[in-house]
Each structure stands twice: as structure tokens, then as C-alpha cells.
PDB file of N, CA and C in Angstrom:
ATOM      1  N   MET A   1      15.472  85.930  64.891  1.00  0.00           N
ATOM      2  CA  MET A   1      14.988  86.909  66.543  1.00  0.00           C
ATOM      3  C   MET A   1      15.684  87.691  66.548  1.00  0.00           C
ATOM      4  N   ALA A   2      15.720  89.146  66.531  1.00  0.00           N
ATOM      5  CA  ALA A   2      17.273  89.309  67.671  1.00  0.00           C
ATOM      6  C   ALA A   2      16.782  89.535  68.468  1.00  0.00           C
ATOM      7  N   GLU A   3      17.420  89.642  69.620  1.00  0.00           N
ATOM      8  CA  GLU A   3      18.400  89.584  71.176  1.00  0.00           C
ATOM      9  C   GLU A   3      17.108  90.571  71.254  1.00  0.00           C
ATOM     10  N   ASN A   4      16.779  92.047  71.585  1.00  0.00           N
ATOM     11  CA  ASN A   4      16.765  92.767  72.324  1.00  0.00           C
ATOM     12  C   ASN A   4      15.708  92.889  71.256  1.00  0.00           C
ATOM     13  N   THR A   5      14.283  92.504  69.717  1.00  0.00           N
ATOM     14  CA  THR A   5      13.035  92.888  69.464  1.00  0.00           C
ATOM     15  C   THR A   5      11.993  92.888  70.854  1.00  0.00           C
ATOM     16  N   ARG A   6      11.395  93.687  70.437  1.00  0.00           N
ATOM     17  CA  ARG A   6      10.229  93.845  71.559  1.00  0.00           C
ATOM     18  C   ARG A   6       9.384  92.678  70.802  1.00  0.00           C
ATOM     19  N   VAL A   7       8.595  92.178  71.231  1.00  0.00           N
ATOM     20  CA  VAL A   7       7.460  91.341  70.987  1.00  0.00           C
ATOM     21  C   VAL A   7       6.467  91.812  71.596  1.00  0.00           C
ATOM     22  N   PRO A   8       4.992  92.470  71.273  1.00  0.00           N
ATOM     23  CA  PRO A   8       3.690  92.927  71.132  1.00  0.00           C
ATOM     24  C   PRO A   8       2.932  91.448  71.665  1.00  0.00           C
ATOM     25  N   LEU A   9       2.514  92.739  72.872  1.00  0.00           N
ATOM     26  CA  LEU A   9       1.631  91.797  73.263  1.00  0.00           C
ATOM     27  C   LEU A   9       0.033  91.186  72.168  1.00  0.00           C
ATOM     28  N   ASN A  10      -0.848  90.114  72.528  1.00  0.00           N
ATOM     29  CA  ASN A  10      -1.439  90.356  71.320  1.00  0.00           C
ATOM     30  C   ASN A  10      -2.394  90.944  72.082  1.00  0.00           C
ATOM     31  N   ARG A  11      -3.814  90.461  71.870  1.00  0.00           N
ATOM     32  CA  ARG A  11      -5.264  91.174  72.329  1.00  0.00           C
ATOM     33  C   ARG A  11      -5.425  90.557  73.865  1.00  0.00           C
ATOM     34  N   ILE A  12      -5.494  88.859  73.527  1.00  0.00           N
ATOM     35  CA  ILE A  12      -6.232  87.838  74.676  1.00  0.00           C
ATOM     36  C   ILE A  12      -5.132  88.047  75.603  1.00  0.00           C
ATOM     37  N   GLU A  13      -3.781  87.917  75.527  1.00  0.00           N
ATOM     38  CA  GLU A  13      -2.615  88.913  76.574  1.00  0.00           C
ATOM     39  C   GLU A  13      -2.653  90.060  77.420  1.00  0.00           C
ATOM     40  N   ARG A  14      -2.966  90.771  76.397  1.00  0.00           N
ATOM     41  CA  ARG A  14      -3.670  92.115  77.179  1.00  0.00           C
ATOM     42  C   ARG A  14      -4.830  92.545  78.281  1.00  0.00           C
ATOM     43  N   ILE A  15      -6.360  91.685  77.685  1.00  0.00           N
ATOM     44  CA  ILE A  15      -7.222  91.475  78.248  1.00  0.00           C
ATOM     45  C   ILE A  15      -6.605  91.463  79.453  1.00  0.00           C
ATOM     46  N   LEU A  16      -6.236  89.454  79.758  1.00  0.00           N
ATOM     47  CA  LEU A  16      -6.239  88.897  80.435  1.00  0.00           C
ATOM     48  C   LEU A  16      -5.227  89.491  81.703  1.00  0.00           C
ATOM     49  N   ALA A  17      -3.574  90.446  80.763  1.00  0.00           N
ATOM     50  CA  ALA A  17      -3.458  91.152  82.059  1.00  0.00           C
ATOM     51  C   ALA A  17      -3.774  92.262  83.068  1.00  0.00           C
ATOM     52  N   PHE A  18      -4.916  92.511  81.988  1.00  0.00           N
ATOM     53  CA  PHE A  18      -5.690  93.653  83.211  1.00  0.00           C
ATOM     54  C   PHE A  18      -6.554  92.959  83.947  1.00  0.00           C
ATOM     55  N   VAL A  19      -7.146  92.405  83.849  1.00  0.00           N
ATOM     56  CA  VAL A  19      -8.088  91.102  84.727  1.00  0.00           C
ATOM     57  C   VAL A  19      -7.074  90.332  85.463  1.00  0.00           C
ATOM     58  N   ILE A  20      -5.870  90.065  85.852  1.00  0.00           N
ATOM     59  CA  ILE A  20      -5.336  89.450  86.950  1.00  0.00           C
ATOM     60  C   ILE A  20      -4.687  90.658  87.615  1.00  0.00           C
ATOM     61  N   GLY A  21      -4.367  91.825  86.529  1.00  0.00           N
ATOM     62  CA  GLY A  21      -4.070  93.217  87.535  1.00  0.00           C
ATOM     63  C   GLY A  21      -4.672  93.924  88.542  1.00  0.00           C
ATOM     64  N   SER A  22      -6.521  93.986  88.406  1.00  0.00           N
ATOM     65  CA  SER A  22      -8.144  94.313  88.924  1.00  0.00           C
ATOM     66  C   SER A  22      -8.312  93.038  89.443  1.00  0.00           C
ATOM     67  N   VAL A  23      -7.814  91.743  89.125  1.00  0.00           N
ATOM     68  CA  VAL A  23      -8.351  91.126  90.691  1.00  0.00           C
ATOM     69  C   VAL A  23      -8.068  91.332  91.204  1.00  0.00           C
ATOM     70  N   ALA A  24      -6.216  91.001  91.000  1.00  0.00           N
ATOM     71  CA  ALA A  24      -5.061  91.449  92.821  1.00  0.00           C
ATOM     72  C   ALA A  24      -5.308  92.534  94.005  1.00  0.00           C
ATOM     73  N   GLY A  25      -5.857  94.125  92.311  1.00  0.00           N
ATOM     74  CA  GLY A  25      -6.279  95.446  93.051  1.00  0.00           C
ATOM     75  C   GLY A  25      -7.058  95.387  93.940  1.00  0.00           C
ATOM     76  N   ILE A  26      -8.240  94.948  93.745  1.00  0.00           N
ATOM     77  CA  ILE A  26      -9.421  94.128  94.468  1.00  0.00           C
ATOM     78  C   ILE A  26      -8.902  93.916  95.877  1.00  0.00           C
ATOM     79  N   SER A  27      -8.401  92.630  95.822  1.00  0.00           N
ATOM     80  CA  SER A  27      -8.632  92.216  96.762  1.00  0.00           C
ATOM     81  C   SER A  27      -7.270  92.670  98.098  1.00  0.00           C
ATOM     82  N   ILE A  28      -6.526  93.270  97.397  1.00  0.00           N
ATOM     83  CA  ILE A  28      -5.879  94.275  97.809  1.00  0.00           C
ATOM     84  C   ILE A  28      -6.398  95.643  98.169  1.00  0.00           C
ATOM     85  N   VAL A  29      -7.411  95.824  98.381  1.00  0.00           N
ATOM     86  CA  VAL A  29      -7.863  96.518  98.310  1.00  0.00           C
ATOM     87  C   VAL A  29      -8.814  95.986  99.768  1.00  0.00           C
ATOM     88  N   ALA A  30      -9.556  94.434  99.366  1.00  0.00           N
ATOM     89  CA  ALA A  30     -10.279  94.356 100.439  1.00  0.00           C
ATOM     90  C   ALA A  30      -9.682  93.895 101.494  1.00  0.00           C
ATOM     91  N   ILE A  31      -8.615  93.611 101.501  1.00  0.00           N
ATOM     92  CA  ILE A  31      -7.477  93.351 102.433  1.00  0.00           C
ATOM     93  C   ILE A  31      -7.564  94.272 103.328  1.00  0.00           C
ATOM     94  N   ALA A  32      -7.243  95.362 103.181  1.00  0.00           N
ATOM     95  CA  ALA A  32      -6.639  96.987 103.063  1.00  0.00           C
ATOM     96  C   ALA A  32      -8.378  97.379 104.205  1.00  0.00           C
ATOM     97  N   ALA A  33      -9.176  97.421 103.477  1.00  0.00           N
ATOM     98  CA  ALA A  33      -9.933  97.199 104.148  1.00  0.00           C
ATOM     99  C   ALA A  33     -11.153  96.650 105.692  1.00  0.00           C
ATOM    100  N   ILE A  34     -10.282  95.224 105.636  1.00  0.00           N
ATOM    101  CA  ILE A  34     -11.177  94.435 106.376  1.00  0.00           C
ATOM    102  C   ILE A  34     -10.105  95.305 108.046  1.00  0.00           C
ATOM    103  N   PHE A  35      -8.100  95.386 107.293  1.00  0.00           N
ATOM    104  CA  PHE A  35      -7.344  95.883 108.526  1.00  0.00           C
ATOM    105  C   PHE A  35      -7.964  96.888 109.040  1.00  0.00           C
ATOM    106  N   VAL A  36      -9.107  98.388 108.105  1.00  0.00           N
ATOM    107  CA  VAL A  36      -9.195  99.071 108.689  1.00  0.00           C
ATOM    108  C   VAL A  36     -10.517  98.937 109.349  1.00  0.00           C
ATOM    109  N   GLY A  37     -11.307  97.932 109.437  1.00  0.00           N
ATOM    110  CA  GLY A  37     -12.419  98.010 110.071  1.00  0.00           C
ATOM    111  C   GLY A  37     -12.010  97.156 111.694  1.00  0.00           C
ATOM    112  N   ARG A  38     -11.310  96.297 111.356  1.00  0.00           N
ATOM    113  CA  ARG A  38     -10.819  95.973 112.446  1.00  0.00           C
ATOM    114  C   ARG A  38     -10.199  96.867 113.250  1.00  0.00           C
ATOM    115  N   ALA A  39      -9.590  98.006 113.043  1.00  0.00           N
ATOM    116  CA  ALA A  39      -8.728  99.040 113.567  1.00  0.00           C
ATOM    117  C   ALA A  39     -10.458  99.392 114.389  1.00  0.00           C
ATOM    118  N   MET A  40     -11.243 100.136 113.819  1.00  0.00           N
ATOM    119  CA  MET A  40     -12.482 100.455 113.684  1.00  0.00           C
ATOM    120  C   MET A  40     -13.281  99.908 115.056  1.00  0.00           C
ATOM    121  N   ARG A  41     -12.876  98.863 114.269  1.00  0.00           N
ATOM    122  CA  ARG A  41     -13.924  97.634 115.821  1.00  0.00           C
ATOM    123  C   ARG A  41     -15.357  97.586 114.903  1.00  0.00           C
ATOM    124  N   ALA A  42     -14.801  97.298 113.955  1.00  0.00           N
ATOM    125  CA  ALA A  42     -16.666  97.028 112.867  1.00  0.00           C
ATOM    126  C   ALA A  42     -16.995  95.418 113.297  1.00  0.00           C
ATOM    127  N   ASP A  43     -18.366  95.536 112.827  1.00  0.00           N
ATOM    128  CA  ASP A  43     -19.559  94.265 112.935  1.00  0.00           C
ATOM    129  C   ASP A  43     -18.772  93.514 111.606  1.00  0.00           C
ATOM    130  N   PHE A  44     -18.643  92.898 111.692  1.00  0.00           N
ATOM    131  CA  PHE A  44     -17.881  91.605 110.481  1.00  0.00           C
ATOM    132  C   PHE A  44     -19.443  90.437 110.148  1.00  0.00           C
ATOM    133  N   THR A  45     -20.372  90.903 110.830  1.00  0.00           N
ATOM    134  CA  THR A  45     -21.766  90.189 110.583  1.00  0.00           C
ATOM    135  C   THR A  45     -22.445  90.373 110.163  1.00  0.00           C
ATOM    136  N   VAL A  46     -22.911  91.550 109.353  1.00  0.00           N
ATOM    137  CA  VAL A  46     -23.573  92.325 108.632  1.00  0.00           C
ATOM    138  C   VAL A  46     -22.950  93.259 107.879  1.00  0.00           C
ATOM    139  N   GLY A  47     -23.878  93.520 106.787  1.00  0.00           N
ATOM    140  CA  GLY A  47     -23.598  94.999 105.071  1.00  0.00           C
ATOM    141  C   GLY A  47     -22.120  93.930 104.379  1.00  0.00           C
ATOM    142  N   VAL A  48     -21.509  94.624 104.872  1.00  0.00           N
ATOM    143  CA  VAL A  48     -20.294  94.599 103.418  1.00  0.00           C
ATOM    144  C   VAL A  48     -19.731  94.118 103.435  1.00  0.00           C
ATOM    145  N   TRP A  49     -19.258  93.626 104.909  1.00  0.00           N
ATOM    146  CA  TRP A  49     -18.190  93.204 105.199  1.00  0.00           C
ATOM    147  C   TRP A  49     -18.157  91.101 105.341  1.00  0.00           C
ATOM    148  N   PRO A  50     -18.942  90.463 105.442  1.00  0.00           N
ATOM    149  CA  PRO A  50     -18.812  88.956 104.921  1.00  0.00           C
ATOM    150  C   PRO A  50     -18.607  89.320 103.550  1.00  0.00           C
ATOM    151  N   ALA A  51     -18.454  89.999 102.587  1.00  0.00           N
ATOM    152  CA  ALA A  51     -18.394  89.746 100.786  1.00  0.00           C
ATOM    153  C   ALA A  51     -16.383  90.473 100.786  1.00  0.00           C
ATOM    154  N   ALA A  52     -16.153  91.636 101.401  1.00  0.00           N
ATOM    155  CA  ALA A  52     -15.058  92.166 101.250  1.00  0.00           C
ATOM    156  C   ALA A  52     -13.993  91.177 102.474  1.00  0.00           C
ATOM    157  N   ALA A  53     -14.350  89.918 103.219  1.00  0.00           N
ATOM    158  CA  ALA A  53     -13.355  89.150 104.198  1.00  0.00           C
ATOM    159  C   ALA A  53     -13.558  87.780 103.074  1.00  0.00           C
ATOM    160  N   ALA A  54     -14.446  87.566 102.363  1.00  0.00           N
ATOM    161  CA  ALA A  54     -14.557  86.656 101.261  1.00  0.00           C
ATOM    162  C   ALA A  54     -13.945  86.657 100.229  1.00  0.00           C
ATOM    163  N   LEU A  55     -13.840  88.076  99.281  1.00  0.00           N
ATOM    164  CA  LEU A  55     -13.481  88.627  98.492  1.00  0.00           C
ATOM    165  C   LEU A  55     -11.950  88.221  97.916  1.00  0.00           C
ATOM    166  N   PRO A  56     -11.243  88.453  99.348  1.00  0.00           N
ATOM    167  CA  PRO A  56      -8.981  87.706  98.350  1.00  0.00           C
ATOM    168  C   PRO A  56      -9.188  85.606  98.691  1.00  0.00           C
ATOM    169  N   LEU A  57      -9.993  85.993 100.022  1.00  0.00           N
ATOM    170  CA  LEU A  57      -9.960  84.594  99.837  1.00  0.00           C
ATOM    171  C   LEU A  57     -10.787  83.959  98.020  1.00  0.00           C
ATOM    172  N   ILE A  58     -10.580  84.402  97.411  1.00  0.00           N
ATOM    173  CA  ILE A  58     -11.362  83.909  96.037  1.00  0.00           C
ATOM    174  C   ILE A  58     -10.416  84.573  94.304  1.00  0.00           C
ATOM    175  N   GLY A  59      -9.983  85.780  95.128  1.00  0.00           N
ATOM    176  CA  GLY A  59      -9.650  86.868  94.163  1.00  0.00           C
ATOM    177  C   GLY A  59      -8.396  86.300  93.807  1.00  0.00           C
ATOM    178  N   LEU A  60      -7.513  86.299  95.105  1.00  0.00           N
ATOM    179  CA  LEU A  60      -5.655  85.957  95.063  1.00  0.00           C
ATOM    180  C   LEU A  60      -5.411  85.453  94.271  1.00  0.00           C
ATOM    181  N   PRO A  61      -6.605  83.816  94.978  1.00  0.00           N
ATOM    182  CA  PRO A  61      -6.057  82.349  94.435  1.00  0.00           C
ATOM    183  C   PRO A  61      -6.312  82.709  92.660  1.00  0.00           C
ATOM    184  N   LEU A  62      -7.024  82.252  92.063  1.00  0.00           N
ATOM    185  CA  LEU A  62      -7.672  83.532  90.879  1.00  0.00           C
ATOM    186  C   LEU A  62      -6.474  83.986  90.081  1.00  0.00           C
ATOM    187  N   ALA A  63      -6.301  85.227  90.903  1.00  0.00           N
ATOM    188  CA  ALA A  63      -5.306  85.486  90.405  1.00  0.00           C
ATOM    189  C   ALA A  63      -4.372  85.206  90.234  1.00  0.00           C
ATOM    190  N   VAL A  64      -3.508  84.102  90.839  1.00  0.00           N
ATOM    191  CA  VAL A  64      -2.949  83.250  91.038  1.00  0.00           C
ATOM    192  C   VAL A  64      -2.511  82.628  89.478  1.00  0.00           C
ATOM    193  N   VAL A  65      -4.359  81.707  89.249  1.00  0.00           N
ATOM    194  CA  VAL A  65      -4.036  81.197  88.118  1.00  0.00           C
ATOM    195  C   VAL A  65      -4.571  81.311  87.482  1.00  0.00           C
ATOM    196  N   LEU A  66      -4.457  82.588  87.165  1.00  0.00           N
ATOM    197  CA  LEU A  66      -4.380  83.053  86.080  1.00  0.00           C
ATOM    198  C   LEU A  66      -3.274  83.704  85.428  1.00  0.00           C
ATOM    199  N   LEU A  67      -2.606  83.795  86.387  1.00  0.00           N
ATOM    200  CA  LEU A  67      -1.164  84.299  86.031  1.00  0.00           C
ATOM    201  C   LEU A  67      -0.584  83.366  85.167  1.00  0.00           C
ATOM    202  N   LEU A  68      -0.651  81.870  85.664  1.00  0.00           N
ATOM    203  CA  LEU A  68       0.089  81.189  85.303  1.00  0.00           C
ATOM    204  C   LEU A  68      -0.853  80.809  83.910  1.00  0.00           C
ATOM    205  N   ILE A  69      -1.928  80.639  84.375  1.00  0.00           N
ATOM    206  CA  ILE A  69      -1.873  80.729  82.372  1.00  0.00           C
ATOM    207  C   ILE A  69      -1.447  82.143  81.758  1.00  0.00           C
ATOM    208  N   PHE A  70      -1.309  83.436  82.015  1.00  0.00           N
ATOM    209  CA  PHE A  70      -0.940  83.603  80.996  1.00  0.00           C
ATOM    210  C   PHE A  70       0.931  84.065  80.947  1.00  0.00           C
ATOM    211  N   LEU A  71       1.332  83.283  81.441  1.00  0.00           N
ATOM    212  CA  LEU A  71       2.988  82.618  81.152  1.00  0.00           C
ATOM    213  C   LEU A  71       2.786  81.851  80.244  1.00  0.00           C
ATOM    214  N   VAL A  72       2.010  80.450  80.418  1.00  0.00           N
ATOM    215  CA  VAL A  72       1.872  80.096  79.034  1.00  0.00           C
ATOM    216  C   VAL A  72       1.856  80.020  77.970  1.00  0.00           C
ATOM    217  N   LEU A  73       1.261  81.280  78.204  1.00  0.00           N
ATOM    218  CA  LEU A  73      -0.490  81.460  76.471  1.00  0.00           C
ATOM    219  C   LEU A  73       1.017  82.484  76.384  1.00  0.00           C
ATOM    220  N   THR A  74       1.990  83.578  77.505  1.00  0.00           N
ATOM    221  CA  THR A  74       3.035  84.242  76.278  1.00  0.00           C
ATOM    222  C   THR A  74       4.815  82.987  75.817  1.00  0.00           C
ATOM    223  N   VAL A  75       4.575  82.005  77.109  1.00  0.00           N
ATOM    224  CA  VAL A  75       5.893  81.106  76.575  1.00  0.00           C
ATOM    225  C   VAL A  75       5.864  81.243  75.138  1.00  0.00           C
ATOM    226  N   THR A  76       4.538  80.217  74.927  1.00  0.00           N
ATOM    227  CA  THR A  76       4.009  79.262  74.377  1.00  0.00           C
ATOM    228  C   THR A  76       4.110  79.968  72.637  1.00  0.00           C
ATOM    229  N   ARG A  77       3.730  81.327  72.519  1.00  0.00           N
ATOM    230  CA  ARG A  77       3.407  82.707  71.299  1.00  0.00           C
ATOM    231  C   ARG A  77       5.206  82.766  71.466  1.00  0.00           C
ATOM    232  N   ARG A  78       5.824  83.461  72.251  1.00  0.00           N
ATOM    233  CA  ARG A  78       7.163  83.958  72.348  1.00  0.00           C
ATOM    234  C   ARG A  78       7.753  82.081  71.546  1.00  0.00           C
ATOM    235  N   ALA A  79       7.354  81.034  71.667  1.00  0.00           N
ATOM    236  CA  ALA A  79       8.232  79.604  70.749  1.00  0.00           C
ATOM    237  C   ALA A  79       8.549  79.886  69.810  1.00  0.00           C
ATOM    238  N   ARG A  80       6.671  79.912  69.626  1.00  0.00           N
ATOM    239  CA  ARG A  80       6.041  79.759  68.201  1.00  0.00           C
ATOM    240  C   ARG A  80       6.867  80.827  67.480  1.00  0.00           C
ATOM    241  N   LEU A  81       6.642  82.110  67.782  1.00  0.00           N
ATOM    242  CA  LEU A  81       7.645  83.058  66.535  1.00  0.00           C
ATOM    243  C   LEU A  81       8.930  83.080  66.667  1.00  0.00           C
ATOM    244  N   ALA A  82       9.844  82.441  67.704  1.00  0.00           N
ATOM    245  CA  ALA A  82      10.716  82.532  67.189  1.00  0.00           C
ATOM    246  C   ALA A  82      11.590  81.145  66.729  1.00  0.00           C
ATOM    247  N   ARG A  83      10.311  80.366  66.270  1.00  0.00           N
ATOM    248  CA  ARG A  83      10.947  79.075  65.879  1.00  0.00           C
ATOM    249  C   ARG A  83      10.183  79.334  63.950  1.00  0.00           C
ATOM    250  N   ASP A  84       9.396  80.165  63.621  1.00  0.00           N
ATOM    251  CA  ASP A  84       8.842  81.208  62.750  1.00  0.00           C
ATOM    252  C   ASP A  84       9.186  81.793  61.966  1.00  0.00           C
ATOM    253  N   ALA A  85      10.357  82.204  63.187  1.00  0.00           N
ATOM    254  CA  ALA A  85      11.911  83.598  63.000  1.00  0.00           C
ATOM    255  C   ALA A  85      12.800  82.324  62.724  1.00  0.00           C
ATOM    256  N   GLY A  86      13.037  81.024  62.804  1.00  0.00           N
ATOM    257  CA  GLY A  86      14.747  80.829  62.154  1.00  0.00           C
ATOM    258  C   GLY A  86      14.358  80.205  60.622  1.00  0.00           C
ATOM    259  N   ASN A  87      13.075  80.321  60.826  1.00  0.00           N
ATOM    260  CA  ASN A  87      13.089  79.472  59.010  1.00  0.00           C
ATOM    261  C   ASN A  87      13.412  80.720  58.254  1.00  0.00           C
TER     262      ASN A  87
END
């Protein structure tokens, strides 16, 4: 396989990449909402604020774990493709 040959993502990798981006993006938006809420002196014990405060605590570690899974899948697929191309 040539060095500059592009290796396309398979369906699982595309879905996983989209989920990683979505979870991380929603978590970052929740962090920004918390900053805005604190600036406006909102009551964080009622309404949607407890969920907004808990979302980054769950979402960001989940995004990291999914990112590691994505990297393992990508590396193993590329290694398999390189090994098959050498035959």
C-alpha cells in the first residue's frame, strides 16, 4: 500500500466518530451553560441545572473512552490492511 493512499473509514468508525463528537460537543455546551448560569446567579438546585452540571462529568470521560476504542479499531484495521497489501 502506498504511503499516500487514503484509507476510508468503515461504518462503525464513522458512527463512533460522530458519537464522540456529539458527546464531547454536548458536554462542552453544558460547561458553557454552567458558566453563563453562574454569571447570571442562577439557582443550580432546581430545573435543568443539576442535569447540566452532571452532563460533563459523565460525557467527557465517556468521550475519552470512546476515543480510545476508536483509535484501537483504526490502528488494527490499518494494520490488517497493510498486512493484506503485503501479500
